[in-house]
């Protein structure tokens, strides 16, 4: 065996080992080497060996291209996902803007007076749009002074007109000076007598929840009065409206 054949034999065994390792990594089938290729490896047929080497290089290239294609597909999928979420956010934002527009139109259509974003409406279920500062300005000097944030939260959490809510408290408690029980500004009674509350805020939020019950929800001030103050509901309703007007004029 001459030197060239020895070199070819060594290269052949290296090539065969490479083929076997490559096959184990990329397929679960055993590799099958044709007799001609085996003969070429053993006996040093340079042409056949070169052909096998070229095939191996070609297969490596296919694998590399496949990996690149898969990476591109993942990137395309990720991009599509992001675009889909962006579209969902855009649609949701437009929906919210439309709801806000409808709410403004509803408020304005039932408004008696308008000052900036604030409206005076005698519908207990139309938001007044008052700010915390405007509520505090109305409440200054009363037994509910400093509760502007509570009324603002109540209006936005329960969709109850904040002006209506504070006017009921004014009427029931003499502007917050005469409470039925601890922090009870609304003259509320329970099964065991006058109710008490941990704080003015808890009483205000409870009123918001109460107005959302079927007994009151969606009714006019007069019809709410029939339940809330049945004996003198017409006087009660007019007193509440008068206090709403006076309070709105303070902002």
Protein backbone atom coordinates (compact mmCIF):
# COMPACT_ATOMS: atom_id res chain seq x y z
CA UNK A 1 0.00 0.00 0.00
CA UNK A 2 1.57 3.25 -1.10
CA UNK A 3 1.49 6.53 0.86
CA UNK A 4 -1.47 7.95 -1.11
CA UNK A 5 -3.56 4.85 -0.37
CA UNK A 6 -2.66 5.05 3.33
CA UNK A 7 -3.76 8.69 3.44
CA UNK A 8 -6.99 7.84 1.60
CA UNK A 9 -7.66 4.95 3.99
CA UNK A 10 -7.23 7.23 7.02
CA UNK A 11 -9.42 9.91 5.44
CA UNK A 12 -12.00 7.27 4.63
CA UNK A 13 -12.29 6.11 8.21
CA UNK A 14 -12.56 9.71 9.39
CA UNK A 15 -15.29 10.36 6.83
CA UNK A 16 -17.19 7.20 7.82
CA UNK A 17 -17.00 8.24 11.48
CA UNK A 18 -18.30 11.72 10.59
CA UNK A 19 -21.21 10.22 8.67
CA UNK A 20 -22.11 7.99 11.59
CA UNK A 21 -22.01 10.87 14.12
CA UNK A 22 -24.01 13.17 11.81
CA UNK A 23 -26.63 10.46 11.36
CA UNK A 24 -26.99 10.00 15.14
CA UNK A 25 -27.58 13.73 15.64
CA UNK A 26 -30.16 14.36 12.93
CA UNK A 27 -32.06 11.09 12.42
CA UNK A 28 -33.29 8.12 14.39
CA UNK A 29 -32.42 5.68 11.55
CA UNK A 30 -29.19 3.79 11.16
CA UNK A 31 -26.92 5.09 8.42
CA UNK A 32 -26.47 2.83 5.39
CA UNK A 33 -23.23 3.24 3.47
CA UNK A 34 -23.29 1.81 -0.09
CA UNK A 35 -20.72 -0.88 -0.94
CA UNK A 36 -19.16 1.40 -3.54
CA UNK A 37 -18.60 4.04 -0.93
CA UNK A 38 -17.20 1.51 1.56
CA UNK A 39 -14.92 0.17 -1.14
CA UNK A 40 -13.81 3.66 -1.97
CA UNK A 41 -13.02 4.33 1.67
CA UNK A 42 -11.13 1.07 2.14
CA UNK A 43 -9.31 0.94 -1.20
CA UNK A 44 -8.73 4.63 -1.68
CA UNK A 45 -10.95 5.44 -4.65
CA UNK A 46 -10.40 9.18 -4.61
CA UNK A 47 -13.22 10.03 -7.02
CA UNK A 48 -15.85 8.19 -4.98
CA UNK A 49 -14.55 9.59 -1.68
CA UNK A 50 -14.69 13.10 -3.06
CA UNK A 51 -18.29 12.48 -4.12
CA UNK A 52 -19.25 11.33 -0.60
CA UNK A 53 -17.49 14.30 0.93
CA UNK A 54 -19.42 16.61 -1.39
CA UNK A 55 -22.70 14.96 -0.37
CA UNK A 56 -21.91 15.47 3.30
CA UNK A 57 -21.11 19.14 2.70
CA UNK A 58 -24.34 19.46 0.71
CA UNK A 59 -26.41 17.91 3.54
CA UNK A 60 -24.77 20.19 6.09
CA UNK A 61 -25.75 23.12 3.88
CA UNK A 62 -29.36 21.87 3.78
CA UNK A 63 -29.45 21.66 7.57
CA UNK A 64 -28.01 25.16 7.91
CA UNK A 65 -30.61 26.50 5.46
CA UNK A 66 -33.37 24.71 7.35
CA UNK A 67 -32.26 26.26 10.65
CA UNK A 68 -32.19 29.71 9.03
CA UNK A 69 -35.67 29.15 7.60
CA UNK A 70 -37.01 28.03 10.99
CA UNK A 71 -35.52 31.06 12.72
CA UNK A 72 -37.14 33.30 10.11
CA UNK A 73 -40.48 31.58 10.64
CA UNK A 74 -40.24 32.11 14.39
CA UNK A 75 -39.46 35.79 13.88
CA UNK A 76 -42.36 36.15 11.43
CA UNK A 77 -44.68 34.42 13.91
CA UNK A 78 -43.53 36.68 16.74
CA UNK A 79 -44.03 39.76 14.57
CA UNK A 80 -47.52 38.62 13.62
CA UNK A 81 -48.37 38.04 17.30
CA UNK A 82 -47.20 41.54 18.23
CA UNK A 83 -49.20 43.06 15.39
CA UNK A 84 -52.29 41.13 16.46
CA UNK A 85 -51.98 42.40 20.06
CA UNK A 86 -51.39 45.96 18.87
CA UNK A 87 -54.56 45.74 16.79
CA UNK A 88 -56.52 44.42 19.78
CA UNK A 89 -55.27 47.32 21.91
CA UNK A 90 -56.19 49.81 19.20
CA UNK A 91 -59.72 48.41 18.94
CA UNK A 92 -60.14 48.44 22.74
CA UNK A 93 -58.92 52.05 22.92
CA UNK A 94 -61.39 53.09 20.23
CA UNK A 95 -64.18 51.28 22.09
CA UNK A 96 -63.34 53.11 25.32
CA UNK A 97 -63.26 56.46 23.53
CA UNK A 98 -66.66 55.73 22.00
CA UNK A 99 -68.10 54.85 25.41
CA UNK A 100 -66.70 58.08 26.85
CA UNK A 101 -68.21 60.05 23.97
CA UNK A 102 -71.61 58.45 24.53
CA UNK A 103 -71.37 59.17 28.25
CA UNK A 104 -70.59 62.86 27.56
CA UNK A 105 -73.52 63.11 25.17
CA UNK A 106 -75.84 61.50 27.71
CA UNK A 107 -74.70 63.88 30.43
CA UNK A 108 -75.03 66.94 28.22
CA UNK A 109 -78.46 65.90 26.93
CA UNK A 110 -79.78 65.79 30.50
CA UNK A 111 -77.80 68.71 31.87
CA UNK A 112 -79.44 71.71 33.46
CA UNK A 113 -76.12 73.57 33.66
CA UNK A 114 -72.62 72.94 32.34
CA UNK A 115 -69.28 74.24 33.65
CA UNK A 116 -66.33 72.83 31.80
CA UNK A 117 -66.49 69.06 32.28
CA UNK A 118 -68.95 69.34 35.17
CA UNK A 119 -72.70 69.11 34.58
CA UNK A 120 -75.74 69.65 36.77
CA UNK A 121 -78.20 66.87 36.01
CA UNK A 122 -81.10 65.71 38.14
CA UNK A 123 -80.65 62.16 36.90
CA UNK A 124 -79.07 60.29 39.86
CA UNK A 125 -77.35 57.92 37.43
CA UNK A 126 -75.65 60.52 35.23
CA UNK A 127 -72.15 61.42 36.43
CA UNK A 128 -71.58 65.02 37.47
CA UNK A 129 -67.97 64.99 36.25
CA UNK A 130 -66.79 67.02 39.26
CA UNK A 131 -63.12 66.84 40.26
CA UNK A 132 -61.87 66.07 43.77
CA UNK A 133 -61.04 69.76 44.19
CA UNK A 134 -64.55 70.81 43.17
CA UNK A 135 -66.12 68.37 45.62
CA UNK A 136 -63.89 69.67 48.41
CA UNK A 137 -64.87 73.23 47.56
CA UNK A 138 -68.56 72.33 47.96
CA UNK A 139 -67.94 70.38 51.17
CA UNK A 140 -65.83 73.06 52.86
CA UNK A 141 -67.32 74.18 56.17
CA UNK A 142 -69.67 71.18 56.43
CA UNK A 143 -69.48 68.03 58.53
CA UNK A 144 -68.20 66.24 55.38
CA UNK A 145 -65.32 68.63 54.74
CA UNK A 146 -62.36 66.90 53.07
CA UNK A 147 -64.42 64.00 51.67
CA UNK A 148 -64.02 65.08 48.05
CA UNK A 149 -61.97 62.02 47.14
CA UNK A 150 -64.65 59.76 48.60
CA UNK A 151 -67.40 61.29 46.49
CA UNK A 152 -65.21 61.27 43.40
CA UNK A 153 -64.48 57.55 43.90
CA UNK A 154 -68.11 56.74 44.64
CA UNK A 155 -69.29 58.45 41.46
CA UNK A 156 -66.77 56.66 39.27
CA UNK A 157 -66.99 53.27 40.97
CA UNK A 158 -70.78 53.06 41.17
CA UNK A 159 -71.94 55.50 38.44
CA UNK A 160 -73.97 57.52 40.93
CA UNK A 161 -74.21 61.30 40.51
CA UNK A 162 -71.88 62.70 43.18
CA UNK A 163 -73.87 65.92 43.51
CA UNK A 164 -77.00 63.88 44.18
CA UNK A 165 -75.16 61.75 46.75
CA UNK A 166 -73.73 64.64 48.77
CA UNK A 167 -77.05 66.54 48.59
CA UNK A 168 -78.87 63.56 50.12
CA UNK A 169 -76.25 63.56 52.91
CA UNK A 170 -76.68 67.31 53.40
CA UNK A 171 -80.45 66.93 53.68
CA UNK A 172 -80.38 63.87 55.97
CA UNK A 173 -77.70 65.18 58.35
CA UNK A 174 -78.08 68.97 58.27
CA UNK A 175 -74.92 69.42 56.18
CA UNK A 176 -73.12 66.72 58.10
CA UNK A 177 -73.69 68.17 61.58
CA UNK A 178 -76.37 65.75 62.85
CA UNK A 179 -75.53 62.10 62.29
CA UNK A 180 -78.00 59.29 62.94
CA UNK A 181 -75.16 57.20 64.40
CA UNK A 182 -71.37 56.95 64.10
CA UNK A 183 -70.43 58.25 60.63
CA UNK A 184 -74.03 57.80 59.45
CA UNK A 185 -74.70 60.87 57.31
CA UNK A 186 -77.55 59.31 55.35
CA UNK A 187 -80.06 58.45 58.08
CA UNK A 188 -79.68 54.75 57.30
CA UNK A 189 -81.45 52.16 59.40
CA UNK A 190 -80.80 48.43 59.56
CA UNK A 191 -82.71 45.55 61.09
CA UNK A 192 -81.31 46.41 64.52
CA UNK A 193 -81.65 50.19 64.33
CA UNK A 194 -79.50 53.07 63.12
CA UNK A 195 -76.49 51.86 61.24
CA UNK A 196 -72.92 52.90 62.11
CA UNK A 197 -69.85 53.04 59.88
CA UNK A 198 -66.10 52.93 60.40
CA UNK A 199 -65.55 56.20 58.53
CA UNK A 200 -67.36 58.82 56.45
CA UNK A 201 -65.86 57.18 53.37
CA UNK A 202 -67.38 53.77 54.18
CA UNK A 203 -70.78 55.45 54.58
CA UNK A 204 -70.42 57.27 51.24
CA UNK A 205 -69.37 54.11 49.39
CA UNK A 206 -72.24 52.19 50.99
CA UNK A 207 -74.67 54.77 49.62
CA UNK A 208 -73.25 54.19 46.13
CA UNK A 209 -73.78 50.44 46.48
CA UNK A 210 -77.29 50.98 47.87
CA UNK A 211 -78.37 53.09 44.89
CA UNK A 212 -77.35 50.24 42.57
CA UNK A 213 -79.77 47.81 44.18
CA UNK A 214 -82.98 46.98 42.23
CA UNK A 215 -85.06 48.99 44.71
CA UNK A 216 -83.41 52.24 43.50
CA UNK A 217 -81.40 51.63 40.32
CA UNK A 218 -82.52 53.60 37.28
CA UNK A 219 -85.20 55.60 39.12
CA UNK A 220 -85.72 59.36 39.29
CA UNK A 221 -85.08 61.38 42.44
CA UNK A 222 -88.82 61.44 43.13
CA UNK A 223 -89.17 57.67 42.79
CA UNK A 224 -86.09 57.10 44.93
CA UNK A 225 -87.70 59.38 47.52
CA UNK A 226 -90.80 57.17 47.60
CA UNK A 227 -88.62 54.40 49.03
CA UNK A 228 -85.99 56.42 50.88
CA UNK A 229 -88.38 58.90 52.51
CA UNK A 230 -91.90 57.67 51.74
CA UNK A 231 -93.86 59.98 54.01
CA UNK A 232 -92.66 63.26 52.46
CA UNK A 233 -90.96 62.10 49.27
CA UNK A 234 -91.96 65.11 47.16
CA UNK A 235 -90.53 67.55 49.70
CA UNK A 236 -87.47 65.33 50.04
CA UNK A 237 -86.92 65.30 46.25
CA UNK A 238 -87.25 69.08 45.93
CA UNK A 239 -84.90 69.67 48.87
CA UNK A 240 -82.28 67.39 47.33
CA UNK A 241 -82.57 69.13 43.94
CA UNK A 242 -82.25 72.54 45.57
CA UNK A 243 -79.08 71.46 47.35
CA UNK A 244 -77.69 70.09 44.08
CA UNK A 245 -78.25 73.48 42.41
CA UNK A 246 -76.69 75.43 45.30
CA UNK A 247 -73.70 73.09 45.44
CA UNK A 248 -73.11 73.29 41.69
CA UNK A 249 -73.14 77.09 41.84
CA UNK A 250 -70.20 76.99 44.26
CA UNK A 251 -67.74 75.47 41.79
